[in-house]
C-alpha atoms as a PDB file:
ATOM      1  CA  MET A   1      -9.401  18.070-142.910  1.00  0.00           C
ATOM      2  CA  LYS A   2     -11.916  15.718-141.300  1.00  0.00           C
ATOM      3  CA  ALA A   3      -9.245  14.552-138.827  1.00  0.00           C
ATOM      4  CA  MET A   4      -8.550  18.195-137.840  1.00  0.00           C
ATOM      5  CA  LYS A   5     -12.239  18.856-137.118  1.00  0.00           C
ATOM      6  CA  SER A   6     -12.439  15.666-135.039  1.00  0.00           C
ATOM      7  CA  LEU A   7      -9.305  16.660-133.096  1.00  0.00           C
ATOM      8  CA  SER A   8     -10.686  20.149-132.513  1.00  0.00           C
ATOM      9  CA  ARG A   9     -13.922  18.701-131.163  1.00  0.00           C
ATOM     10  CA  TRP A  10     -12.043  16.409-128.775  1.00  0.00           C
ATOM     11  CA  MET A  11      -9.890  19.307-127.570  1.00  0.00           C
ATOM     12  CA  ALA A  12     -12.984  21.451-126.987  1.00  0.00           C
ATOM     13  CA  LEU A  13     -14.673  18.605-125.113  1.00  0.00           C
ATOM     14  CA  GLY A  14     -11.544  18.093-122.989  1.00  0.00           C
ATOM     15  CA  ALA A  15     -11.400  21.802-122.135  1.00  0.00           C
ATOM     16  CA  ALA A  16     -15.086  21.814-121.165  1.00  0.00           C
ATOM     17  CA  VAL A  17     -14.628  18.780-118.905  1.00  0.00           C
ATOM     18  CA  ALA A  18     -11.565  20.349-117.248  1.00  0.00           C
ATOM     19  CA  LEU A  19     -13.435  23.601-116.648  1.00  0.00           C
ATOM     20  CA  ALA A  20     -16.443  21.782-115.195  1.00  0.00           C
ATOM     21  CA  ALA A  21     -14.218  19.719-112.903  1.00  0.00           C
ATOM     22  CA  SER A  22     -12.498  22.839-111.569  1.00  0.00           C
ATOM     23  CA  GLY A  23     -15.845  24.546-110.809  1.00  0.00           C
ATOM     24  CA  PRO A  24     -16.223  23.409-107.177  1.00  0.00           C
ATOM     25  CA  ALA A  25     -12.670  24.467-106.327  1.00  0.00           C
ATOM     26  CA  LEU A  26     -13.345  27.906-107.738  1.00  0.00           C
ATOM     27  CA  ALA A  27     -16.478  28.213-105.619  1.00  0.00           C
ATOM     28  CA  HIS A  28     -14.596  28.319-102.296  1.00  0.00           C
ATOM     29  CA  THR A  29     -14.450  31.687-100.616  1.00  0.00           C
ATOM     30  CA  HIS A  30     -11.126  33.495-100.742  1.00  0.00           C
ATOM     31  CA  LEU A  31      -9.672  36.657 -99.263  1.00  0.00           C
ATOM     32  CA  VAL A  32      -9.776  39.553-101.725  1.00  0.00           C
ATOM     33  CA  GLN A  33      -8.641  42.445 -99.504  1.00  0.00           C
ATOM     34  CA  SER A  34      -7.441  43.248 -96.010  1.00  0.00           C
ATOM     35  CA  ASP A  35      -7.126  46.446 -94.006  1.00  0.00           C
ATOM     36  CA  PRO A  36      -4.327  46.748 -93.046  1.00  0.00           C
ATOM     37  CA  ALA A  37      -3.066  45.343 -96.324  1.00  0.00           C
ATOM     38  CA  ALA A  38      -0.882  42.240 -96.412  1.00  0.00           C
ATOM     39  CA  GLY A  39       2.761  43.185 -95.900  1.00  0.00           C
ATOM     40  CA  ALA A  40       1.940  46.807 -95.051  1.00  0.00           C
ATOM     41  CA  THR A  41       3.653  48.901 -92.417  1.00  0.00           C
ATOM     42  CA  VAL A  42       1.158  51.335 -90.958  1.00  0.00           C
ATOM     43  CA  LYS A  43       2.284  54.381 -88.977  1.00  0.00           C
ATOM     44  CA  ALA A  44      -0.863  54.680 -86.885  1.00  0.00           C
ATOM     45  CA  ALA A  45      -2.316  51.628 -85.189  1.00  0.00           C
ATOM     46  CA  PRO A  46      -5.648  50.631 -86.751  1.00  0.00           C
ATOM     47  CA  LYS A  47      -8.789  50.824 -84.626  1.00  0.00           C
ATOM     48  CA  ALA A  48     -10.250  47.844 -86.472  1.00  0.00           C
ATOM     49  CA  ILE A  49      -9.101  45.109 -88.844  1.00  0.00           C
ATOM     50  CA  THR A  50     -11.213  44.202 -91.862  1.00  0.00           C
ATOM     51  CA  LEU A  51     -10.917  41.134 -94.070  1.00  0.00           C
ATOM     52  CA  THR A  52     -13.015  41.136 -97.253  1.00  0.00           C
ATOM     53  CA  PHE A  53     -13.937  37.873 -98.978  1.00  0.00           C
ATOM     54  CA  SER A  54     -15.173  36.828-102.408  1.00  0.00           C
ATOM     55  CA  GLU A  55     -18.577  35.633-101.213  1.00  0.00           C
ATOM     56  CA  ARG A  56     -20.966  35.719 -98.267  1.00  0.00           C
ATOM     57  CA  LEU A  57     -19.619  33.965 -95.201  1.00  0.00           C
ATOM     58  CA  VAL A  58     -21.214  31.619 -92.706  1.00  0.00           C
ATOM     59  CA  PRO A  59     -20.719  33.616 -89.464  1.00  0.00           C
ATOM     60  CA  THR A  60     -20.491  30.543 -87.212  1.00  0.00           C
ATOM     61  CA  PHE A  61     -17.365  29.349 -89.059  1.00  0.00           C
ATOM     62  CA  SER A  62     -15.744  32.685 -89.975  1.00  0.00           C
ATOM     63  CA  THR A  63     -13.358  34.462 -87.624  1.00  0.00           C
ATOM     64  CA  PHE A  64      -9.734  35.429 -87.109  1.00  0.00           C
ATOM     65  CA  GLU A  65      -7.090  35.617 -84.414  1.00  0.00           C
ATOM     66  CA  LEU A  66      -4.457  38.311 -84.111  1.00  0.00           C
ATOM     67  CA  THR A  67      -1.000  37.520 -82.760  1.00  0.00           C
ATOM     68  CA  MET A  68       2.384  39.133 -82.259  1.00  0.00           C
ATOM     69  CA  PRO A  69       4.584  36.275 -83.519  1.00  0.00           C
ATOM     70  CA  ASP A  70       7.835  37.801 -82.202  1.00  0.00           C
ATOM     71  CA  HIS A  71       6.423  37.670 -78.660  1.00  0.00           C
ATOM     72  CA  ARG A  72       4.306  34.501 -79.116  1.00  0.00           C
ATOM     73  CA  MET A  73       1.361  36.473 -77.849  1.00  0.00           C
ATOM     74  CA  LYS A  74      -2.340  36.602 -78.771  1.00  0.00           C
ATOM     75  CA  VAL A  75      -3.866  40.059 -79.067  1.00  0.00           C
ATOM     76  CA  PRO A  76      -7.463  40.416 -77.820  1.00  0.00           C
ATOM     77  CA  VAL A  77      -9.828  41.145 -80.712  1.00  0.00           C
ATOM     78  CA  LYS A  78     -13.588  40.736 -81.034  1.00  0.00           C
ATOM     79  CA  THR A  79     -14.652  39.587 -84.502  1.00  0.00           C
ATOM     80  CA  ALA A  80     -17.997  39.729 -86.276  1.00  0.00           C
ATOM     81  CA  VAL A  81     -19.204  39.140 -89.820  1.00  0.00           C
ATOM     82  CA  SER A  82     -20.516  42.328 -91.459  1.00  0.00           C
ATOM     83  CA  ARG A  83     -24.163  42.848 -92.392  1.00  0.00           C
ATOM     84  CA  ASP A  84     -23.451  42.165 -96.078  1.00  0.00           C
ATOM     85  CA  GLY A  85     -21.779  38.899 -95.039  1.00  0.00           C
ATOM     86  CA  LYS A  86     -18.578  39.434 -97.012  1.00  0.00           C
ATOM     87  CA  GLN A  87     -16.321  40.862 -94.300  1.00  0.00           C
ATOM     88  CA  ILE A  88     -14.932  39.824 -90.971  1.00  0.00           C
ATOM     89  CA  VAL A  89     -14.364  42.928 -88.852  1.00  0.00           C
ATOM     90  CA  GLY A  90     -12.179  42.750 -85.772  1.00  0.00           C
ATOM     91  CA  THR A  91     -12.491  45.379 -83.065  1.00  0.00           C
ATOM     92  CA  LEU A  92      -9.403  45.777 -80.928  1.00  0.00           C
ATOM     93  CA  GLU A  93      -9.733  45.971 -77.152  1.00  0.00           C
ATOM     94  CA  LYS A  94      -6.583  48.119 -76.841  1.00  0.00           C
ATOM     95  CA  PRO A  95      -4.519  50.115 -79.339  1.00  0.00           C
ATOM     96  CA  LEU A  96      -1.785  48.085 -81.006  1.00  0.00           C
ATOM     97  CA  THR A  97       1.802  48.848 -80.059  1.00  0.00           C
ATOM     98  CA  ALA A  98       4.673  49.025 -82.542  1.00  0.00           C
ATOM     99  CA  GLY A  99       5.637  45.617 -83.858  1.00  0.00           C
ATOM    100  CA  SER A 100       4.827  42.767 -86.225  1.00  0.00           C
ATOM    101  CA  TYR A 101       1.360  41.201 -86.324  1.00  0.00           C
ATOM    102  CA  LYS A 102      -0.205  38.177 -87.966  1.00  0.00           C
ATOM    103  CA  ILE A 103      -3.900  37.635 -88.687  1.00  0.00           C
ATOM    104  CA  GLU A 104      -4.850  33.951 -88.957  1.00  0.00           C
ATOM    105  CA  TRP A 105      -8.298  33.625 -90.475  1.00  0.00           C
ATOM    106  CA  THR A 106     -10.838  30.883 -91.041  1.00  0.00           C
ATOM    107  CA  ALA A 107     -13.786  31.504 -93.339  1.00  0.00           C
ATOM    108  CA  ALA A 108     -16.561  29.317 -94.700  1.00  0.00           C
ATOM    109  CA  GLY A 109     -18.824  30.206 -97.582  1.00  0.00           C
ATOM    110  CA  SER A 110     -22.187  28.767 -98.538  1.00  0.00           C
ATOM    111  CA  ASP A 111     -20.543  25.582 -99.849  1.00  0.00           C
ATOM    112  CA  GLY A 112     -19.552  24.792 -96.249  1.00  0.00           C
ATOM    113  CA  HIS A 113     -15.846  24.398 -96.941  1.00  0.00           C
ATOM    114  CA  LYS A 114     -13.591  26.117 -94.415  1.00  0.00           C
ATOM    115  CA  MET A 115     -10.704  28.017 -95.911  1.00  0.00           C
ATOM    116  CA  THR A 116      -7.773  29.381 -93.918  1.00  0.00           C
ATOM    117  CA  GLY A 117      -5.038  31.897 -94.454  1.00  0.00           C
ATOM    118  CA  GLU A 118      -2.922  34.553 -92.883  1.00  0.00           C
ATOM    119  CA  VAL A 119      -2.062  38.199 -93.343  1.00  0.00           C
ATOM    120  CA  ALA A 120       1.003  39.835 -91.831  1.00  0.00           C
ATOM    121  CA  PHE A 121       1.458  43.550 -91.221  1.00  0.00           C
ATOM    122  CA  LYS A 122       3.497  45.891 -89.044  1.00  0.00           C
ATOM    123  CA  VAL A 123       2.721  48.896 -86.875  1.00  0.00           C
ATOM    124  CA  GLY A 124       5.414  51.507 -86.478  1.00  0.00           C
END
């Protein structure tokens, strides 16, 4: 019985150490939502693109680019971090035409670590 209690204590201690060690990795900002949604096909071209993150962003290091991968072409978009600091909003200079698009984002939270990712969607 005493050996079981000792083993349980060691297992609990091990779990606590593992959880504490994973803390900084969990603190990095991550994408929680996009509009248009990842993998979506939208009938009407969006007037803006919005990426929502898990925490406030550092505006200097948070942006995205929009491309049409099939044509190897960048699409002009002006990005800004929202007032609440949790979104990057991209305003399009011209309406999007039918086709496939890829958003490549970079975002940094208060911990200073830059995270990257991509979201693909289609118009048409």
